[in-house]
Protein backbone atom coordinates (compact mmCIF):
# COMPACT_ATOMS: atom_id res chain seq x y z
CA MET A 1 -0.24 -0.22 0.05
CA SER A 2 1.37 3.34 -0.94
CA ASN A 3 1.63 6.15 1.28
CA ARG A 4 1.76 8.77 -1.66
CA SER A 5 -0.85 11.24 -1.87
CA THR A 6 -2.68 11.97 -5.22
CA MET A 7 -2.95 15.67 -4.91
CA SER A 8 0.02 17.75 -3.55
CA GLU A 9 -0.47 19.56 -0.18
CA GLN A 10 0.10 22.90 -2.03
CA LEU A 11 -2.83 21.98 -4.59
CA LYS A 12 -5.19 20.84 -1.51
CA VAL A 13 -4.32 24.09 0.21
CA GLU A 14 -5.07 26.26 -2.79
CA ILE A 15 -8.23 24.38 -3.61
CA ALA A 16 -9.53 24.65 0.12
CA LYS A 17 -9.08 27.96 -0.08
CA ASP A 18 -11.14 28.58 -3.26
CA LEU A 19 -13.83 26.58 -1.97
CA GLY A 20 -14.11 28.78 1.54
CA PHE A 21 -13.18 25.82 3.85
CA TYR A 22 -9.41 26.18 4.52
CA ASP A 23 -10.05 27.64 8.03
CA VAL A 24 -11.40 24.39 9.09
CA VAL A 25 -8.56 22.70 7.82
CA GLU A 26 -6.34 25.03 9.65
CA ARG A 27 -8.40 24.52 12.90
CA GLU A 28 -8.81 20.77 12.65
CA GLY A 29 -6.71 19.25 9.90
CA TRP A 30 -8.03 17.71 6.61
CA GLY A 31 -9.92 15.02 8.84
CA GLY A 32 -12.13 17.98 9.95
CA ILE A 33 -13.76 18.76 6.63
CA LYS A 34 -17.18 17.84 5.52
CA SER A 35 -17.69 14.91 3.31
CA ARG A 36 -19.36 17.31 0.86
CA ASP A 37 -16.14 19.66 0.98
CA ALA A 38 -13.85 16.75 0.00
CA GLY A 39 -15.99 15.72 -2.76
CA ASN A 40 -16.13 19.44 -4.15
CA MET A 41 -12.18 19.49 -3.66
CA VAL A 42 -11.80 16.07 -5.66
CA LYS A 43 -14.28 17.78 -8.57
CA ARG A 44 -12.53 20.87 -8.62
CA ALA A 45 -9.27 19.09 -8.95
CA ILE A 46 -10.59 17.08 -11.93
CA GLU A 47 -11.81 20.15 -13.37
CA LEU A 48 -8.27 21.69 -13.40
CA ALA A 49 -6.68 18.62 -14.41
CA GLU A 50 -9.14 18.40 -17.38
CA SER A 51 -8.73 22.11 -18.23
CA SER A 52 -4.65 21.61 -18.27
CA LEU A 53 -4.98 18.61 -20.65
CA LYS A 54 -7.15 20.66 -23.00
CA SER A 55 -4.71 23.46 -23.09
CA ASP A 56 -1.56 21.28 -23.51
CA ASN A 57 -3.37 19.37 -26.49
CA ARG A 58 -3.94 22.68 -28.04
CA SER A 59 -0.20 23.32 -28.23
């Protein structure tokens, strides 16, 4: 079993700030966020990855 994170810590922080729940992360850690927030975070990361792939394909 790998201990490697799929998302970098920096990306997670950036997304949490964008989605408005980074204050919870600061107070309680990543385990303190709601399931809905975690899901929104994954959704946003997928959107960013898809956007990046699209722009790479245009080059």
